[in-house]
């Protein structure tokens, strides 16, 4: 068993394995009333996170879209994973309600083919001179 020693030289009574297996994550949940800190067991399944978010936000787990980071990006929460696989301590979580299936992404716009044209021709000098004079005056 490994003995951990703190900054003051005082040994911790538990081994390194205890701290690695019982680590806690602190995240903040952004709600309409501000930020609410949440302490999460890192090795807990994501289903426990989803149920906690459901009690805090009123959004059921099947309608949750969890965003984290800056700029906020969707966090994938696979059912078999743990909280430490999806989040890191200090993350700010935003929970949005997803209604129905998400629409498919819009197709990329395609440019219409341009007709073949010769080199660009400048307008006659007489047409340009009055426009320049009007702009200067």
C-alpha atoms as a PDB file:
ATOM      1  CA  UNK A   1       0.000   0.000   0.000  1.00  0.00           C
ATOM      2  CA  UNK A   2       1.298   3.445  -0.966  1.00  0.00           C
ATOM      3  CA  UNK A   3       1.234   6.106   1.737  1.00  0.00           C
ATOM      4  CA  UNK A   4       0.438   9.617   0.604  1.00  0.00           C
ATOM      5  CA  UNK A   5       2.084  12.548   2.334  1.00  0.00           C
ATOM      6  CA  UNK A   6       0.482  15.993   2.349  1.00  0.00           C
ATOM      7  CA  UNK A   7       2.193  19.363   1.904  1.00  0.00           C
ATOM      8  CA  UNK A   8       2.918  19.601   5.619  1.00  0.00           C
ATOM      9  CA  UNK A   9       4.571  16.179   5.687  1.00  0.00           C
ATOM     10  CA  UNK A  10       1.626  14.530   7.439  1.00  0.00           C
ATOM     11  CA  UNK A  11       0.758  11.109   5.957  1.00  0.00           C
ATOM     12  CA  UNK A  12      -2.791  10.433   4.853  1.00  0.00           C
ATOM     13  CA  UNK A  13      -4.328   7.364   6.518  1.00  0.00           C
ATOM     14  CA  UNK A  14      -5.537   5.911   3.219  1.00  0.00           C
ATOM     15  CA  UNK A  15      -3.604   4.576   0.262  1.00  0.00           C
ATOM     16  CA  UNK A  16      -3.478   5.968  -3.253  1.00  0.00           C
ATOM     17  CA  UNK A  17      -5.968   3.344  -4.448  1.00  0.00           C
ATOM     18  CA  UNK A  18      -8.608   4.774  -2.094  1.00  0.00           C
ATOM     19  CA  UNK A  19      -8.250   8.275  -3.522  1.00  0.00           C
ATOM     20  CA  UNK A  20      -8.269   7.067  -7.109  1.00  0.00           C
ATOM     21  CA  UNK A  21     -11.333   4.893  -6.592  1.00  0.00           C
ATOM     22  CA  UNK A  22     -13.267   7.456  -4.524  1.00  0.00           C
ATOM     23  CA  UNK A  23     -12.483  10.605  -6.425  1.00  0.00           C
ATOM     24  CA  UNK A  24     -15.116  13.309  -6.618  1.00  0.00           C
ATOM     25  CA  UNK A  25     -15.834  15.690  -9.466  1.00  0.00           C
ATOM     26  CA  UNK A  26     -17.228  19.136  -8.860  1.00  0.00           C
ATOM     27  CA  UNK A  27     -19.193  20.585 -11.759  1.00  0.00           C
ATOM     28  CA  UNK A  28     -21.544  23.538 -11.959  1.00  0.00           C
ATOM     29  CA  UNK A  29     -25.045  23.386 -13.377  1.00  0.00           C
ATOM     30  CA  UNK A  30     -26.239  26.542 -15.133  1.00  0.00           C
ATOM     31  CA  UNK A  31     -29.896  27.177 -14.385  1.00  0.00           C
ATOM     32  CA  UNK A  32     -32.190  30.166 -14.772  1.00  0.00           C
ATOM     33  CA  UNK A  33     -31.342  31.160 -11.197  1.00  0.00           C
ATOM     34  CA  UNK A  34     -27.549  30.977 -11.663  1.00  0.00           C
ATOM     35  CA  UNK A  35     -24.838  28.370 -11.192  1.00  0.00           C
ATOM     36  CA  UNK A  36     -25.370  25.499  -8.796  1.00  0.00           C
ATOM     37  CA  UNK A  37     -22.360  23.385  -7.734  1.00  0.00           C
ATOM     38  CA  UNK A  38     -22.774  19.613  -7.936  1.00  0.00           C
ATOM     39  CA  UNK A  39     -20.429  17.079  -6.329  1.00  0.00           C
ATOM     40  CA  UNK A  40     -20.390  13.835  -8.282  1.00  0.00           C
ATOM     41  CA  UNK A  41     -18.786  10.470  -7.620  1.00  0.00           C
ATOM     42  CA  UNK A  42     -16.399  10.027 -10.564  1.00  0.00           C
ATOM     43  CA  UNK A  43     -16.991   6.276 -10.908  1.00  0.00           C
ATOM     44  CA  UNK A  44     -20.797   6.539 -10.877  1.00  0.00           C
ATOM     45  CA  UNK A  45     -22.670   5.599 -14.048  1.00  0.00           C
ATOM     46  CA  UNK A  46     -23.922   8.419 -16.260  1.00  0.00           C
ATOM     47  CA  UNK A  47     -27.482   7.314 -15.501  1.00  0.00           C
ATOM     48  CA  UNK A  48     -27.018   8.672 -11.962  1.00  0.00           C
ATOM     49  CA  UNK A  49     -25.903  12.016 -13.435  1.00  0.00           C
ATOM     50  CA  UNK A  50     -28.911  12.075 -15.743  1.00  0.00           C
ATOM     51  CA  UNK A  51     -31.315  11.377 -12.874  1.00  0.00           C
ATOM     52  CA  UNK A  52     -29.667  14.113 -10.765  1.00  0.00           C
ATOM     53  CA  UNK A  53     -29.994  16.560 -13.664  1.00  0.00           C
ATOM     54  CA  UNK A  54     -33.633  15.511 -14.048  1.00  0.00           C
ATOM     55  CA  UNK A  55     -34.372  16.380 -10.409  1.00  0.00           C
ATOM     56  CA  UNK A  56     -32.563  19.728 -10.686  1.00  0.00           C
ATOM     57  CA  UNK A  57     -33.994  20.831 -14.050  1.00  0.00           C
ATOM     58  CA  UNK A  58     -37.266  18.935 -14.431  1.00  0.00           C
ATOM     59  CA  UNK A  59     -36.128  17.547 -17.799  1.00  0.00           C
ATOM     60  CA  UNK A  60     -36.423  13.761 -18.061  1.00  0.00           C
ATOM     61  CA  UNK A  61     -33.235  11.852 -19.013  1.00  0.00           C
ATOM     62  CA  UNK A  62     -34.590  10.848 -22.433  1.00  0.00           C
ATOM     63  CA  UNK A  63     -35.143  14.538 -23.312  1.00  0.00           C
ATOM     64  CA  UNK A  64     -31.811  15.871 -21.995  1.00  0.00           C
ATOM     65  CA  UNK A  65     -29.145  17.411 -24.154  1.00  0.00           C
ATOM     66  CA  UNK A  66     -26.130  18.137 -21.950  1.00  0.00           C
ATOM     67  CA  UNK A  67     -23.685  20.840 -23.042  1.00  0.00           C
ATOM     68  CA  UNK A  68     -20.302  21.611 -21.463  1.00  0.00           C
ATOM     69  CA  UNK A  69     -17.214  23.674 -22.200  1.00  0.00           C
ATOM     70  CA  UNK A  70     -16.694  27.025 -23.858  1.00  0.00           C
ATOM     71  CA  UNK A  71     -18.185  27.418 -26.325  1.00  0.00           C
ATOM     72  CA  UNK A  72     -20.686  24.849 -25.082  1.00  0.00           C
ATOM     73  CA  UNK A  73     -20.604  21.582 -27.005  1.00  0.00           C
ATOM     74  CA  UNK A  74     -22.817  18.536 -26.619  1.00  0.00           C
ATOM     75  CA  UNK A  75     -21.489  15.918 -24.221  1.00  0.00           C
ATOM     76  CA  UNK A  76     -22.159  12.346 -25.303  1.00  0.00           C
ATOM     77  CA  UNK A  77     -23.325  10.224 -22.383  1.00  0.00           C
ATOM     78  CA  UNK A  78     -23.099   6.551 -23.421  1.00  0.00           C
ATOM     79  CA  UNK A  79     -25.167   4.349 -21.066  1.00  0.00           C
ATOM     80  CA  UNK A  80     -22.246   2.047 -20.151  1.00  0.00           C
ATOM     81  CA  UNK A  81     -19.771   4.785 -19.236  1.00  0.00           C
ATOM     82  CA  UNK A  82     -18.946   6.532 -15.974  1.00  0.00           C
ATOM     83  CA  UNK A  83     -19.155  10.212 -15.173  1.00  0.00           C
ATOM     84  CA  UNK A  84     -15.358  10.627 -15.303  1.00  0.00           C
ATOM     85  CA  UNK A  85     -15.415   9.386 -18.921  1.00  0.00           C
ATOM     86  CA  UNK A  86     -17.759  12.210 -19.965  1.00  0.00           C
ATOM     87  CA  UNK A  87     -16.905  15.174 -17.708  1.00  0.00           C
ATOM     88  CA  UNK A  88     -14.000  16.758 -15.919  1.00  0.00           C
ATOM     89  CA  UNK A  89     -13.968  18.659 -12.670  1.00  0.00           C
ATOM     90  CA  UNK A  90     -14.817  22.336 -13.141  1.00  0.00           C
ATOM     91  CA  UNK A  91     -17.100  21.854 -16.159  1.00  0.00           C
ATOM     92  CA  UNK A  92     -20.149  24.083 -16.436  1.00  0.00           C
ATOM     93  CA  UNK A  93     -23.158  22.044 -17.567  1.00  0.00           C
ATOM     94  CA  UNK A  94     -26.126  23.365 -19.490  1.00  0.00           C
ATOM     95  CA  UNK A  95     -29.134  21.081 -19.899  1.00  0.00           C
ATOM     96  CA  UNK A  96     -31.522  21.687 -22.787  1.00  0.00           C
ATOM     97  CA  UNK A  97     -34.793  19.938 -23.551  1.00  0.00           C
ATOM     98  CA  UNK A  98     -34.799  17.952 -26.792  1.00  0.00           C
ATOM     99  CA  UNK A  99     -38.246  17.487 -28.271  1.00  0.00           C
ATOM    100  CA  UNK A 100     -38.603  14.714 -30.827  1.00  0.00           C
ATOM    101  CA  UNK A 101     -35.844  13.670 -33.145  1.00  0.00           C
ATOM    102  CA  UNK A 102     -33.236  16.200 -34.121  1.00  0.00           C
ATOM    103  CA  UNK A 103     -33.614  17.366 -37.714  1.00  0.00           C
ATOM    104  CA  UNK A 104     -30.951  16.136 -40.120  1.00  0.00           C
ATOM    105  CA  UNK A 105     -28.277  18.671 -40.984  1.00  0.00           C
ATOM    106  CA  UNK A 106     -29.026  20.871 -43.982  1.00  0.00           C
ATOM    107  CA  UNK A 107     -27.261  19.831 -47.184  1.00  0.00           C
ATOM    108  CA  UNK A 108     -24.283  21.919 -48.179  1.00  0.00           C
ATOM    109  CA  UNK A 109     -25.178  24.589 -50.726  1.00  0.00           C
ATOM    110  CA  UNK A 110     -23.935  23.898 -54.212  1.00  0.00           C
ATOM    111  CA  UNK A 111     -22.810  26.701 -56.449  1.00  0.00           C
ATOM    112  CA  UNK A 112     -24.597  27.041 -59.764  1.00  0.00           C
ATOM    113  CA  UNK A 113     -22.301  26.598 -62.743  1.00  0.00           C
ATOM    114  CA  UNK A 114     -21.164  29.909 -64.177  1.00  0.00           C
ATOM    115  CA  UNK A 115     -21.377  30.518 -67.879  1.00  0.00           C
ATOM    116  CA  UNK A 116     -18.069  30.725 -69.678  1.00  0.00           C
ATOM    117  CA  UNK A 117     -17.205  34.390 -70.191  1.00  0.00           C
ATOM    118  CA  UNK A 118     -14.198  36.035 -71.714  1.00  0.00           C
ATOM    119  CA  UNK A 119     -12.001  38.498 -69.856  1.00  0.00           C
ATOM    120  CA  UNK A 120     -13.860  41.179 -67.926  1.00  0.00           C
ATOM    121  CA  UNK A 121     -14.389  44.345 -69.883  1.00  0.00           C
ATOM    122  CA  UNK A 122     -14.239  47.751 -68.255  1.00  0.00           C
ATOM    123  CA  UNK A 123     -17.091  50.168 -68.987  1.00  0.00           C
ATOM    124  CA  UNK A 124     -16.323  52.923 -71.426  1.00  0.00           C
ATOM    125  CA  UNK A 125     -14.319  55.752 -69.896  1.00  0.00           C
ATOM    126  CA  UNK A 126     -17.060  58.259 -70.576  1.00  0.00           C
ATOM    127  CA  UNK A 127     -19.486  56.271 -68.338  1.00  0.00           C
ATOM    128  CA  UNK A 128     -17.039  56.157 -65.402  1.00  0.00           C
ATOM    129  CA  UNK A 129     -15.974  59.832 -65.395  1.00  0.00           C
ATOM    130  CA  UNK A 130     -19.387  61.350 -64.423  1.00  0.00           C
ATOM    131  CA  UNK A 131     -19.751  58.842 -61.518  1.00  0.00           C
ATOM    132  CA  UNK A 132     -16.305  59.752 -60.185  1.00  0.00           C
ATOM    133  CA  UNK A 133     -17.021  63.478 -60.480  1.00  0.00           C
ATOM    134  CA  UNK A 134     -20.312  63.088 -58.599  1.00  0.00           C
ATOM    135  CA  UNK A 135     -18.590  61.153 -55.790  1.00  0.00           C
ATOM    136  CA  UNK A 136     -15.862  63.805 -55.426  1.00  0.00           C
ATOM    137  CA  UNK A 137     -18.200  66.804 -55.353  1.00  0.00           C
END
